[in-house]
Protein backbone atom coordinates (compact mmCIF):
# COMPACT_ATOMS: atom_id res chain seq x y z
CA MET A 1 -7.09 -46.68 73.89
CA SER A 2 -10.04 -47.32 71.57
CA ALA A 3 -9.78 -49.81 68.75
CA ASN A 4 -10.43 -47.00 66.24
CA HIS A 5 -7.30 -45.15 67.35
CA ALA A 6 -4.98 -48.17 67.15
CA PRO A 7 -4.52 -48.24 63.33
CA THR A 8 -3.92 -44.46 63.29
CA LEU A 9 -1.31 -44.77 66.02
CA ARG A 10 0.44 -47.63 64.22
CA PHE A 11 0.49 -45.60 61.00
CA GLN A 12 1.94 -42.60 62.84
CA ASN A 13 4.64 -44.83 64.36
CA ILE A 14 5.57 -46.18 60.94
CA VAL A 15 5.77 -42.67 59.46
CA SER A 16 7.86 -41.51 62.43
CA LEU A 17 10.25 -44.45 61.98
CA ILE A 18 10.68 -43.70 58.26
CA GLN A 19 11.36 -40.05 59.05
CA GLN A 20 14.00 -41.06 61.61
CA SER A 21 15.69 -43.34 59.06
CA LEU A 22 15.95 -40.46 56.60
CA ASN A 23 16.98 -37.63 58.92
CA GLY A 24 20.65 -38.65 58.90
CA LYS A 25 21.11 -38.80 62.66
CA GLU A 26 23.48 -41.49 63.91
CA GLN A 27 21.93 -44.09 66.18
CA ASP A 28 23.22 -46.50 68.81
CA TYR A 29 22.49 -49.90 67.29
CA THR A 30 23.92 -51.83 70.24
CA ALA A 31 20.81 -51.26 72.39
CA GLY A 32 17.04 -50.99 72.00
CA SER A 33 14.67 -52.70 69.59
CA ILE A 34 16.40 -54.83 66.95
CA ARG A 35 13.43 -54.50 64.60
CA ARG A 36 13.69 -50.71 64.84
CA ALA A 37 17.44 -50.88 64.22
CA VAL A 38 16.99 -53.00 61.09
CA ILE A 39 14.36 -50.63 59.66
CA LEU A 40 16.38 -47.50 60.45
CA LEU A 41 19.37 -48.93 58.59
CA ALA A 42 17.54 -50.75 55.82
CA ILE A 43 15.47 -47.90 54.32
CA PRO A 44 18.40 -45.62 53.35
CA MET A 45 20.55 -48.63 52.41
CA MET A 46 17.87 -49.92 50.04
CA LEU A 47 17.51 -46.46 48.47
CA GLU A 48 21.30 -46.22 48.19
CA MET A 49 21.51 -49.48 46.22
CA CYS A 50 18.74 -48.32 43.89
CA MET A 51 20.75 -45.16 43.20
CA GLU A 52 23.87 -47.20 42.37
CA SER A 53 22.23 -48.59 39.24
CA VAL A 54 21.20 -45.17 37.94
CA PHE A 55 24.73 -44.23 36.76
CA ALA A 56 24.90 -47.02 34.19
CA VAL A 57 21.32 -46.46 33.01
CA VAL A 58 21.80 -42.72 32.49
CA ASP A 59 25.14 -43.16 30.71
CA ILE A 60 23.96 -45.85 28.32
CA TYR A 61 20.75 -43.89 27.55
CA PHE A 62 22.62 -40.83 26.32
CA VAL A 63 25.57 -42.68 24.78
CA SER A 64 23.29 -45.01 22.79
CA HIS A 65 22.30 -41.99 20.69
CA LEU A 66 25.93 -41.53 19.62
CA GLY A 67 26.04 -44.79 17.64
CA SER A 68 27.13 -48.39 18.01
CA ASN A 69 30.86 -47.61 18.34
CA ALA A 70 30.28 -45.36 21.35
CA THR A 71 27.88 -47.83 22.95
CA SER A 72 30.37 -50.67 22.45
CA VAL A 73 33.24 -48.70 24.02
CA VAL A 74 31.14 -47.84 27.09
CA GLY A 75 30.21 -51.49 27.57
CA LEU A 76 33.78 -52.72 27.12
CA THR A 77 35.19 -50.05 29.45
CA GLU A 78 32.64 -50.93 32.12
CA SER A 79 33.85 -54.53 31.90
CA VAL A 80 37.42 -53.39 32.55
CA ILE A 81 36.33 -51.02 35.33
CA THR A 82 34.94 -54.12 37.07
CA ILE A 83 38.47 -54.55 38.44
CA VAL A 84 38.15 -51.19 40.19
CA TYR A 85 34.64 -52.05 41.41
CA SER A 86 35.94 -55.33 42.81
CA LEU A 87 38.76 -53.63 44.71
CA ALA A 88 36.36 -50.93 45.93
CA ILE A 89 33.86 -53.49 47.20
CA GLY A 90 36.58 -55.50 48.96
CA ILE A 91 38.14 -52.48 50.70
CA SER A 92 34.66 -51.16 51.49
CA MET A 93 33.84 -54.45 53.26
CA ALA A 94 37.01 -54.11 55.33
CA ALA A 95 36.23 -50.49 56.21
CA THR A 96 32.63 -51.27 57.20
CA ALA A 97 33.64 -54.18 59.44
CA THR A 98 36.53 -52.34 61.11
CA VAL A 99 34.73 -49.03 61.63
CA ALA A 100 31.60 -50.78 62.93
CA ARG A 101 33.71 -52.77 65.41
CA ARG A 102 35.42 -49.62 66.74
CA VAL A 103 32.09 -47.76 66.95
CA GLY A 104 30.61 -50.67 68.90
CA GLU A 105 33.58 -50.47 71.26
CA LYS A 106 32.71 -46.78 71.79
CA ASP A 107 36.09 -45.72 70.41
CA PRO A 108 35.35 -43.07 67.73
CA ALA A 109 39.00 -41.96 67.53
CA ALA A 110 40.08 -45.49 66.55
CA ALA A 111 37.16 -45.66 64.09
CA GLY A 112 38.43 -42.48 62.42
CA ILE A 113 41.97 -43.84 62.19
CA ALA A 114 40.75 -47.13 60.67
CA ALA A 115 38.62 -45.22 58.16
CA MET A 116 41.51 -43.00 57.07
CA GLN A 117 43.85 -45.98 56.77
CA SER A 118 41.33 -47.61 54.43
CA ILE A 119 41.49 -44.43 52.31
CA LEU A 120 45.29 -44.74 52.22
CA LEU A 121 44.98 -48.37 51.13
CA ALA A 122 42.51 -47.43 48.41
CA LEU A 123 44.83 -44.73 47.09
CA GLY A 124 47.65 -47.23 46.66
CA PHE A 125 45.57 -49.82 44.82
CA THR A 126 43.85 -47.23 42.61
CA VAL A 127 47.16 -45.76 41.42
CA ALA A 128 48.40 -49.27 40.59
CA VAL A 129 45.34 -49.89 38.39
CA SER A 130 44.51 -46.48 36.90
CA ILE A 131 47.94 -45.45 35.57
CA PRO A 132 48.46 -48.58 33.40
CA GLY A 133 44.78 -48.38 32.37
CA PHE A 134 45.23 -44.80 31.19
CA ILE A 135 48.47 -45.48 29.33
CA TYR A 136 47.34 -48.68 27.62
CA ALA A 137 43.67 -47.74 27.04
CA ALA A 138 43.79 -48.41 23.29
CA ASP A 139 45.50 -51.79 23.80
CA ILE A 140 42.90 -52.76 26.41
CA LEU A 141 40.04 -51.97 24.03
CA ARG A 142 41.79 -53.90 21.25
CA LEU A 143 42.26 -56.89 23.57
CA MET A 144 38.56 -56.72 24.48
CA GLY A 145 37.66 -57.03 20.79
CA ALA A 146 36.85 -53.42 19.85
CA GLY A 147 37.21 -52.50 16.17
CA LYS A 148 39.54 -49.81 14.82
CA MET A 149 36.76 -47.24 14.46
CA ALA A 150 35.49 -47.88 17.98
CA ILE A 151 39.00 -47.55 19.42
CA ALA A 152 39.70 -44.33 17.52
CA GLU A 153 36.41 -42.85 18.64
CA GLY A 154 36.31 -44.12 22.20
CA VAL A 155 39.86 -44.37 23.56
CA ILE A 156 39.43 -40.92 25.19
CA TYR A 157 36.40 -42.26 27.09
CA THR A 158 38.41 -45.19 28.45
CA ARG A 159 41.32 -42.94 29.44
CA ILE A 160 39.09 -40.52 31.34
CA MET A 161 37.29 -43.34 33.12
CA MET A 162 40.56 -45.02 34.11
CA ALA A 163 41.98 -41.70 35.30
CA GLY A 164 38.78 -41.19 37.31
CA SER A 165 39.03 -44.58 38.99
CA LEU A 166 39.88 -42.84 42.25
CA VAL A 167 36.45 -41.24 42.58
CA ILE A 168 34.77 -44.60 41.87
CA MET A 169 36.90 -46.17 44.59
CA LEU A 170 36.30 -43.39 47.12
CA LEU A 171 32.54 -43.21 46.51
CA PHE A 172 32.19 -46.94 47.31
CA LEU A 173 34.69 -46.89 50.15
CA ILE A 174 33.47 -43.83 52.04
CA ASN A 175 29.90 -45.09 51.83
CA GLY A 176 31.18 -48.28 53.47
CA ILE A 177 32.66 -46.12 56.24
CA PHE A 178 29.34 -44.36 56.72
CA ARG A 179 27.51 -47.68 56.90
CA GLY A 180 29.97 -48.99 59.48
CA ALA A 181 29.37 -45.88 61.58
CA GLY A 182 25.63 -46.47 61.36
CA ASN A 183 24.98 -43.37 59.20
CA ALA A 184 23.36 -45.02 56.19
CA MET A 185 21.59 -41.78 55.28
CA MET A 186 24.89 -40.07 54.42
CA ALA A 187 25.76 -42.94 52.08
CA MET A 188 22.42 -42.53 50.34
CA LYS A 189 22.74 -38.72 50.13
CA SER A 190 26.16 -38.85 48.51
CA LEU A 191 24.87 -41.14 45.74
CA TRP A 192 21.82 -38.93 45.21
CA ILE A 193 24.08 -35.89 44.81
CA ALA A 194 26.44 -37.74 42.45
CA ASN A 195 23.53 -39.04 40.35
CA ILE A 196 21.77 -35.67 40.10
CA ALA A 197 25.04 -34.07 38.95
CA ASN A 198 25.53 -36.84 36.37
CA ILE A 199 21.97 -36.52 35.05
CA ILE A 200 22.42 -32.76 34.59
CA LEU A 201 25.92 -32.95 33.11
CA CYS A 202 25.37 -35.84 30.69
CA PRO A 203 23.13 -34.02 28.16
CA LEU A 204 25.06 -30.75 28.62
CA LEU A 205 28.49 -32.25 27.96
CA ILE A 206 27.49 -34.90 25.41
CA ARG A 207 25.16 -32.77 23.25
CA GLY A 208 26.27 -29.26 24.19
CA ILE A 209 24.11 -26.21 24.84
CA GLY A 210 24.36 -22.68 23.44
CA PRO A 211 28.02 -21.74 22.99
CA LEU A 212 29.10 -24.91 24.84
CA PRO A 213 30.02 -27.51 22.17
CA GLY A 214 28.95 -31.12 22.45
CA LEU A 215 31.83 -33.39 23.43
CA GLY A 216 30.20 -36.68 22.47
CA ILE A 217 31.53 -39.75 24.19
CA MET A 218 34.22 -37.67 25.91
CA GLY A 219 31.42 -35.67 27.52
CA ALA A 220 29.86 -38.87 28.86
CA ALA A 221 33.09 -39.81 30.62
CA LEU A 222 33.54 -36.29 32.02
CA ALA A 223 29.93 -36.13 33.24
CA THR A 224 30.19 -39.44 35.08
CA THR A 225 33.57 -38.64 36.60
CA ILE A 226 32.62 -35.10 37.66
CA GLY A 227 29.32 -36.35 39.09
CA ARG A 228 31.07 -38.94 41.22
CA ALA A 229 33.72 -36.39 42.23
CA ILE A 230 30.99 -34.05 43.50
CA GLY A 231 29.57 -36.91 45.58
CA VAL A 232 33.03 -37.66 47.00
CA ALA A 233 33.61 -33.96 47.79
CA TYR A 234 30.36 -33.97 49.78
CA GLN A 235 31.44 -37.11 51.66
CA LEU A 236 34.85 -35.70 52.52
CA TYR A 237 33.41 -32.36 53.66
CA PHE A 238 31.14 -34.16 56.10
CA LEU A 239 33.95 -36.36 57.42
CA PHE A 240 36.39 -33.45 57.90
CA LYS A 241 33.92 -30.75 59.02
CA GLY A 242 30.88 -32.66 60.27
CA SER A 243 29.94 -33.74 63.76
CA GLY A 244 29.53 -37.46 63.10
CA VAL A 245 31.02 -40.33 65.12
CA VAL A 246 33.77 -40.83 62.52
CA ARG A 247 35.84 -37.74 61.74
CA PHE A 248 38.92 -37.39 59.54
CA ARG A 249 42.22 -35.72 60.41
CA LEU A 250 45.04 -35.37 57.90
CA GLN A 251 47.58 -36.76 60.38
CA GLN A 252 45.60 -40.04 60.34
CA LEU A 253 46.97 -40.64 56.83
CA ALA A 254 50.37 -41.60 58.26
CA PRO A 255 50.67 -45.36 57.57
CA GLN A 256 49.84 -47.62 60.51
CA TRP A 257 50.98 -51.01 59.29
CA LYS A 258 49.11 -53.13 61.81
CA ILE A 259 45.79 -51.58 60.77
CA LEU A 260 46.68 -51.74 57.07
CA ARG A 261 47.53 -55.45 57.36
CA SER A 262 44.22 -56.08 59.11
CA LEU A 263 42.32 -54.21 56.39
CA ILE A 264 44.13 -56.11 53.63
CA ASN A 265 43.36 -59.44 55.31
CA ILE A 266 39.66 -58.58 55.20
CA ALA A 267 39.68 -56.84 51.80
CA TRP A 268 41.35 -59.41 49.54
CA PRO A 269 38.84 -62.22 50.22
CA GLY A 270 36.05 -59.64 49.84
CA THR A 271 37.37 -58.67 46.42
CA LEU A 272 37.72 -62.33 45.44
CA GLN A 273 34.19 -62.96 46.75
CA PHE A 274 32.79 -60.46 44.25
CA LEU A 275 34.94 -61.71 41.35
CA ILE A 276 33.94 -65.34 41.96
CA ALA A 277 30.23 -64.47 41.84
CA SER A 278 30.41 -62.11 38.85
CA GLY A 279 32.72 -64.49 36.93
CA SER A 280 30.23 -67.33 37.26
CA TRP A 281 27.49 -65.20 35.68
CA ILE A 282 29.75 -64.60 32.66
CA VAL A 283 30.21 -68.36 32.22
CA LEU A 284 26.46 -68.98 32.51
CA ALA A 285 25.77 -66.28 29.90
CA SER A 286 28.19 -67.97 27.50
CA LEU A 287 26.46 -71.33 28.05
CA VAL A 288 23.10 -69.76 27.20
CA VAL A 289 24.54 -68.33 23.95
CA LYS A 290 26.19 -71.64 23.08
CA THR A 291 23.06 -73.75 23.60
CA GLY A 292 20.27 -71.34 22.66
CA GLN A 293 21.70 -68.81 20.19
CA SER A 294 20.80 -65.11 20.06
CA GLU A 295 17.11 -65.33 21.05
CA ALA A 296 17.90 -67.26 24.22
CA SER A 297 20.79 -64.93 25.05
CA ALA A 298 18.63 -61.82 24.60
CA GLY A 299 15.85 -63.30 26.72
CA TYR A 300 18.29 -64.34 29.43
CA GLN A 301 19.93 -60.89 29.54
CA ILE A 302 16.53 -59.19 29.85
CA ALA A 303 15.52 -61.56 32.64
CA ILE A 304 18.80 -61.05 34.52
CA ARG A 305 18.42 -57.27 34.36
CA VAL A 306 14.91 -57.55 35.78
CA VAL A 307 16.24 -59.86 38.49
CA MET A 308 19.03 -57.44 39.37
CA PHE A 309 16.57 -54.56 39.62
CA PHE A 310 14.64 -56.41 42.32
CA LEU A 311 17.79 -57.73 43.99
CA LEU A 312 19.20 -54.26 44.68
CA PRO A 313 16.70 -53.37 47.45
CA ALA A 314 17.21 -56.82 48.98
CA TRP A 315 20.97 -56.33 48.92
CA GLY A 316 20.49 -52.98 50.63
CA LEU A 317 18.41 -54.62 53.33
CA SER A 318 21.05 -57.30 53.81
CA ASN A 319 23.71 -54.59 54.25
CA ALA A 320 22.00 -53.69 57.53
CA ALA A 321 23.20 -57.03 58.91
CA ALA A 322 26.86 -56.06 58.36
CA THR A 323 26.53 -52.87 60.42
CA LEU A 324 24.54 -54.53 63.19
CA VAL A 325 26.96 -57.44 63.46
CA GLY A 326 30.05 -55.23 63.50
CA GLN A 327 28.78 -52.79 66.09
CA ASN A 328 27.30 -55.42 68.40
CA LEU A 329 30.41 -57.61 68.28
CA GLY A 330 32.41 -54.52 69.18
CA ALA A 331 30.12 -53.94 72.15
CA GLY A 332 30.43 -57.59 73.21
CA HIS A 333 26.73 -58.28 72.55
CA TYR A 334 27.16 -61.59 70.72
CA GLY A 335 23.60 -62.78 71.20
CA ARG A 336 22.21 -59.48 69.93
CA ALA A 337 24.48 -59.69 66.87
CA GLU A 338 23.11 -63.14 66.01
CA GLU A 339 19.49 -62.11 66.64
CA SER A 340 19.96 -59.06 64.38
CA VAL A 341 21.07 -61.30 61.52
CA LEU A 342 18.18 -63.73 61.95
CA LYS A 343 15.59 -60.93 61.99
CA THR A 344 17.13 -59.25 58.95
CA ALA A 345 17.11 -62.62 57.15
CA ARG A 346 13.44 -63.07 58.00
CA TYR A 347 12.50 -59.66 56.61
CA ASN A 348 14.55 -60.23 53.47
CA ALA A 349 12.97 -63.63 52.93
CA ILE A 350 9.49 -62.06 53.16
CA PHE A 351 10.45 -59.37 50.64
CA MET A 352 11.95 -61.93 48.26
CA ALA A 353 8.89 -64.19 48.59
CA ILE A 354 6.77 -61.30 47.34
CA VAL A 355 9.20 -60.79 44.43
CA SER A 356 9.05 -64.51 43.62
CA PHE A 357 5.26 -64.36 43.50
CA ILE A 358 5.42 -61.34 41.16
CA PHE A 359 7.85 -63.14 38.85
CA ILE A 360 5.78 -66.32 38.66
CA VAL A 361 2.41 -64.62 38.12
CA PHE A 362 3.30 -61.48 36.16
CA ALA A 363 6.37 -62.57 34.20
CA PRO A 364 4.75 -62.08 30.74
CA ASP A 365 3.58 -58.57 31.64
CA ILE A 366 7.01 -57.60 33.01
CA ILE A 367 8.89 -58.93 29.98
CA ALA A 368 6.47 -57.25 27.56
CA ILE A 369 7.87 -53.90 28.74
CA PHE A 370 11.30 -54.83 27.34
CA THR A 371 10.65 -56.84 24.18
CA ARG A 372 7.93 -57.68 21.69
CA GLU A 373 9.83 -60.48 19.97
CA PRO A 374 7.95 -63.73 20.78
CA ALA A 375 11.01 -66.01 20.84
CA VAL A 376 13.02 -63.66 23.07
CA ALA A 377 10.05 -63.05 25.38
CA ALA A 378 9.42 -66.80 25.75
CA TYR A 379 12.97 -67.39 27.02
CA ALA A 380 12.82 -64.36 29.34
CA VAL A 381 9.50 -65.44 30.87
CA LYS A 382 10.78 -68.98 31.37
CA ALA A 383 13.95 -67.66 33.04
CA LEU A 384 12.01 -65.43 35.45
CA ARG A 385 9.62 -68.19 36.45
CA ILE A 386 12.40 -70.72 37.07
CA ILE A 387 14.82 -68.35 38.83
CA GLY A 388 12.06 -66.67 40.88
CA PRO A 389 11.25 -69.48 43.36
CA GLY A 390 14.87 -69.52 44.55
CA PHE A 391 14.69 -65.90 45.64
CA ILE A 392 13.55 -66.73 49.17
CA PHE A 393 16.74 -68.70 49.78
CA TYR A 394 18.82 -66.11 47.97
CA GLY A 395 17.45 -63.41 50.28
CA VAL A 396 18.59 -65.39 53.31
CA GLY A 397 21.97 -66.15 51.71
CA MET A 398 22.62 -62.44 51.07
CA VAL A 399 22.09 -61.65 54.73
CA MET A 400 24.34 -64.50 55.87
CA ALA A 401 27.14 -63.33 53.56
CA ASN A 402 26.89 -59.77 54.84
CA ALA A 403 26.81 -61.01 58.43
CA PHE A 404 30.16 -62.76 57.89
CA ASN A 405 31.52 -59.70 56.09
CA GLY A 406 30.36 -57.41 58.89
CA ALA A 407 32.20 -59.57 61.40
CA GLY A 408 35.35 -59.22 59.29
CA ASP A 409 35.19 -62.89 58.25
CA THR A 410 35.22 -62.35 54.48
CA ARG A 411 36.96 -65.66 53.83
CA THR A 412 33.99 -67.85 54.82
CA PRO A 413 31.53 -66.48 52.20
CA THR A 414 34.35 -66.46 49.64
CA VAL A 415 34.96 -70.17 50.15
CA ILE A 416 31.22 -70.89 50.09
CA ASN A 417 30.88 -68.89 46.85
CA PHE A 418 33.78 -70.72 45.23
CA PHE A 419 32.34 -74.15 45.97
CA GLY A 420 28.76 -73.08 45.29
CA PHE A 421 29.33 -71.23 42.01
CA TRP A 422 32.40 -72.78 40.41
CA LEU A 423 32.32 -76.35 41.71
CA PHE A 424 28.52 -76.80 41.74
CA GLN A 425 26.55 -74.24 39.73
CA ILE A 426 28.72 -74.13 36.61
CA PRO A 427 29.23 -77.93 36.35
CA LEU A 428 25.51 -78.46 36.98
CA ALA A 429 24.58 -75.91 34.31
CA TYR A 430 26.97 -77.58 31.83
CA LEU A 431 25.63 -81.03 32.67
CA LEU A 432 21.99 -80.00 32.23
CA ALA A 433 22.43 -77.66 29.27
CA VAL A 434 25.05 -79.54 27.20
CA GLN A 435 25.34 -83.15 28.32
CA TRP A 436 21.63 -83.67 28.93
CA GLN A 437 20.78 -81.36 26.02
CA MET A 438 18.29 -79.24 27.97
CA GLY A 439 19.77 -76.06 26.46
CA PRO A 440 19.16 -72.71 28.20
CA LEU A 441 16.54 -74.36 30.40
CA GLY A 442 19.33 -76.29 32.09
CA VAL A 443 21.16 -73.05 32.89
CA PHE A 444 17.98 -71.52 34.29
CA ILE A 445 17.46 -74.53 36.57
CA ALA A 446 21.07 -74.50 37.79
CA ILE A 447 20.78 -70.91 39.09
CA PRO A 448 18.13 -71.35 41.84
CA THR A 449 19.46 -74.82 42.65
CA ALA A 450 22.94 -73.49 43.38
CA GLU A 451 21.68 -70.37 45.15
CA THR A 452 19.58 -72.54 47.45
CA ALA A 453 22.55 -74.80 48.23
CA ILE A 454 24.78 -71.78 48.92
CA SER A 455 22.21 -70.25 51.26
CA VAL A 456 21.71 -73.48 53.19
CA ALA A 457 25.48 -73.94 53.56
CA ALA A 458 25.92 -70.32 54.70
CA PHE A 459 23.13 -70.69 57.28
CA ILE A 460 24.64 -73.89 58.69
CA VAL A 461 28.08 -72.26 59.01
CA PHE A 462 26.51 -69.14 60.53
CA ARG A 463 24.75 -71.17 63.25
CA ARG A 464 28.07 -72.70 64.29
CA GLY A 465 29.03 -69.23 65.49
CA LYS A 466 32.75 -69.10 64.72
CA TRP A 467 32.26 -65.65 63.15
CA LYS A 468 31.61 -64.27 66.66
CA LYS A 469 35.23 -64.98 67.58
CA LYS A 470 36.72 -62.99 64.71
CA VAL A 471 39.18 -60.40 66.02
CA ILE A 472 39.90 -57.28 63.95
């Protein structure tokens, strides 16, 4: 082969690999090139995570034109719906780990049963949350600090969203099932469909068109719920009628208590894992407000949203580790499972290093897109440049956490998160910001410091290898 043909051939191979990752065909990730397996899983998973953020952006864009009361209600309701998100993420972790293990064992029938039992579990938890949320919607908004006008105008939004909790739960959960089966493309497709439906329905139902009257904030809730329901309908059609590894049968809904107990044992630490991490960010935000007032808070919130935008693709890439670990442990390929995690961590670290460089060099240009207020921009730039260098470690830590989760060992990252966030990051932030009077700068410094410590601890525990012995 001539040297001139080599770059062309490499480019063709890359294009072919991308096409394979997006064609939706299920792959055997227990054999062959690990690098190829990571790429095939990572591309649709990264696109899926990018789609997840679109719902909130679309909703708040259209609702913001309805006034401050409507915008406030949407924000407060989203805070309450975090409970549903937390449960969905926890049960989704359990489903991914269990389904991946059964697929790796080459037992698709057992994978289908485990998947359907996770649906049954989700139904039970969703009913327990959504019914009280619907009934006491006004009281919840009042407890969250909403004014009388906001409650009168927006209680219908909260009730519809609480009643639609099931589609939120199922959208997360079934995508976890697809990821466990190695079909990341289906997870991405379902979110694309749900988002497209939401984008079309939002202006139609909120503003109205022709003889169709505008429903205001009620239309926003209906658009989001119907959009997600369409995505769930697509998922369920594929699982009942498709030809994938995992297939649903109605008789699989009969409770199988041994499987349900196993799913619960994986799900509750996964739910707590998410709540521990998200709760710590709330505390840090309050410290920034307390020590830096409104300008610091605004700058910090802008910086965190920029950070989250870049973290989503990295989180998608780290999700590949969960599938690879689960399937390879099921196949008894323990060395391959470990090697898959280390390669995924390497790729994520490279991606996050590029992001860190962008934050350090181009922070003023990035922040200028969001604000022109000098004081706010100064805090946001400072936050990006301080938080940015820790991204390399954070990228590795994400992969380690998902490796444990994929093995069904959700307790280990939960314990690490508790010590890292609540017993180290928050006290350190308080010490620096309040006791040493560094203000918001102290909070900014505490974030990469704690993330680095968490990642190092997770890597050390990972190398000990106890996660390989997890039985589910």
